[in-house]
Amino acid sequence: MPLLPALVRATHPVPAAAVTALAGAVVAARGASPAVIAVATASVLAGQASVGWSNDYLDRHRDRGRADK
């Protein structure tokens, strides 16, 4: 399995994108500058990715042999 697609799937992209978009919208609604919006949104995206990756890493023994993981 290629590494990049596996890393993307491990971030749980749909919920991560929803949380990231919501956070960006909240920051934008507060009147932040475009630079602040970009940094805040990138930070939330990085946090969501790291949570997904660490969760999948820590659950790897339970997920071994599952076709959907």
C-alpha atoms as a PDB file:
ATOM      1  CA  MET A   1       0.000   0.000   0.000  1.00  0.00           C
ATOM      2  CA  PRO A   2       1.464   3.392  -0.961  1.00  0.00           C
ATOM      3  CA  LEU A   3       2.335   5.519   2.035  1.00  0.00           C
ATOM      4  CA  LEU A   4       0.672   8.825   1.106  1.00  0.00           C
ATOM      5  CA  PRO A   5      -2.861   7.446   0.537  1.00  0.00           C
ATOM      6  CA  ALA A   6      -2.576   5.480   3.781  1.00  0.00           C
ATOM      7  CA  LEU A   7      -1.556   8.604   5.694  1.00  0.00           C
ATOM      8  CA  VAL A   8      -4.472  10.546   4.205  1.00  0.00           C
ATOM      9  CA  ARG A   9      -6.943   7.792   5.146  1.00  0.00           C
ATOM     10  CA  ALA A  10      -5.496   7.653   8.667  1.00  0.00           C
ATOM     11  CA  THR A  11      -6.359  11.320   9.214  1.00  0.00           C
ATOM     12  CA  HIS A  12     -10.052  10.405   8.870  1.00  0.00           C
ATOM     13  CA  PRO A  13     -10.368  13.105   6.196  1.00  0.00           C
ATOM     14  CA  VAL A  14     -14.114  13.833   6.295  1.00  0.00           C
ATOM     15  CA  PRO A  15     -14.392  14.649  10.010  1.00  0.00           C
ATOM     16  CA  ALA A  16     -10.966  16.331   9.970  1.00  0.00           C
ATOM     17  CA  ALA A  17     -12.057  18.543   7.075  1.00  0.00           C
ATOM     18  CA  ALA A  18     -15.319  19.401   8.836  1.00  0.00           C
ATOM     19  CA  VAL A  19     -13.574  20.406  12.067  1.00  0.00           C
ATOM     20  CA  THR A  20     -10.934  22.359  10.152  1.00  0.00           C
ATOM     21  CA  ALA A  21     -13.514  24.209   8.050  1.00  0.00           C
ATOM     22  CA  LEU A  22     -15.589  25.052  11.119  1.00  0.00           C
ATOM     23  CA  ALA A  23     -12.554  26.371  12.983  1.00  0.00           C
ATOM     24  CA  GLY A  24     -11.521  28.474   9.982  1.00  0.00           C
ATOM     25  CA  ALA A  25     -15.041  29.860   9.674  1.00  0.00           C
ATOM     26  CA  VAL A  26     -15.132  30.791  13.358  1.00  0.00           C
ATOM     27  CA  VAL A  27     -11.792  32.583  13.123  1.00  0.00           C
ATOM     28  CA  ALA A  28     -12.923  34.386   9.966  1.00  0.00           C
ATOM     29  CA  ALA A  29     -16.234  35.382  11.572  1.00  0.00           C
ATOM     30  CA  ARG A  30     -14.293  37.014  14.392  1.00  0.00           C
ATOM     31  CA  GLY A  31     -12.777  39.380  11.833  1.00  0.00           C
ATOM     32  CA  ALA A  32      -9.254  37.952  11.775  1.00  0.00           C
ATOM     33  CA  SER A  33      -6.833  38.889   9.038  1.00  0.00           C
ATOM     34  CA  PRO A  34      -6.269  36.430   6.189  1.00  0.00           C
ATOM     35  CA  ALA A  35      -2.856  35.510   7.612  1.00  0.00           C
ATOM     36  CA  VAL A  36      -4.345  34.689  11.008  1.00  0.00           C
ATOM     37  CA  ILE A  37      -7.115  32.665   9.378  1.00  0.00           C
ATOM     38  CA  ALA A  38      -4.550  30.705   7.360  1.00  0.00           C
ATOM     39  CA  VAL A  39      -2.339  29.981  10.377  1.00  0.00           C
ATOM     40  CA  ALA A  40      -5.273  28.997  12.589  1.00  0.00           C
ATOM     41  CA  THR A  41      -6.758  26.751   9.908  1.00  0.00           C
ATOM     42  CA  ALA A  42      -3.387  25.099   9.199  1.00  0.00           C
ATOM     43  CA  SER A  43      -2.884  24.555  12.928  1.00  0.00           C
ATOM     44  CA  VAL A  44      -6.256  22.873  13.336  1.00  0.00           C
ATOM     45  CA  LEU A  45      -5.606  20.711  10.272  1.00  0.00           C
ATOM     46  CA  ALA A  46      -2.222  19.637  11.662  1.00  0.00           C
ATOM     47  CA  GLY A  47      -3.825  18.828  14.995  1.00  0.00           C
ATOM     48  CA  GLN A  48      -6.542  16.763  13.362  1.00  0.00           C
ATOM     49  CA  ALA A  49      -3.956  14.851  11.307  1.00  0.00           C
ATOM     50  CA  SER A  50      -1.787  14.137  14.331  1.00  0.00           C
ATOM     51  CA  VAL A  51      -4.757  12.866  16.334  1.00  0.00           C
ATOM     52  CA  GLY A  52      -5.814  10.565  13.491  1.00  0.00           C
ATOM     53  CA  TRP A  53      -2.285   9.253  12.974  1.00  0.00           C
ATOM     54  CA  SER A  54      -1.611   8.657  16.658  1.00  0.00           C
ATOM     55  CA  ASN A  55      -5.005   6.981  17.097  1.00  0.00           C
ATOM     56  CA  ASP A  56      -4.366   4.595  14.225  1.00  0.00           C
ATOM     57  CA  TYR A  57      -0.841   3.908  15.487  1.00  0.00           C
ATOM     58  CA  LEU A  58      -2.026   3.143  19.005  1.00  0.00           C
ATOM     59  CA  ASP A  59      -4.864   0.924  17.710  1.00  0.00           C
ATOM     60  CA  ARG A  60      -2.701  -0.939  15.204  1.00  0.00           C
ATOM     61  CA  HIS A  61      -2.763  -4.200  17.193  1.00  0.00           C
ATOM     62  CA  ARG A  62      -6.591  -4.194  17.225  1.00  0.00           C
ATOM     63  CA  ASP A  63      -6.808  -3.246  13.555  1.00  0.00           C
ATOM     64  CA  ARG A  64      -4.369  -5.881  12.281  1.00  0.00           C
ATOM     65  CA  GLY A  65      -6.046  -8.035   9.649  1.00  0.00           C
ATOM     66  CA  ARG A  66      -8.968  -5.673   9.074  1.00  0.00           C
ATOM     67  CA  ALA A  67      -9.534  -4.908   5.401  1.00  0.00           C
ATOM     68  CA  ASP A  68     -10.903  -1.440   6.149  1.00  0.00           C
ATOM     69  CA  LYS A  69      -7.779  -0.289   8.018  1.00  0.00           C
END
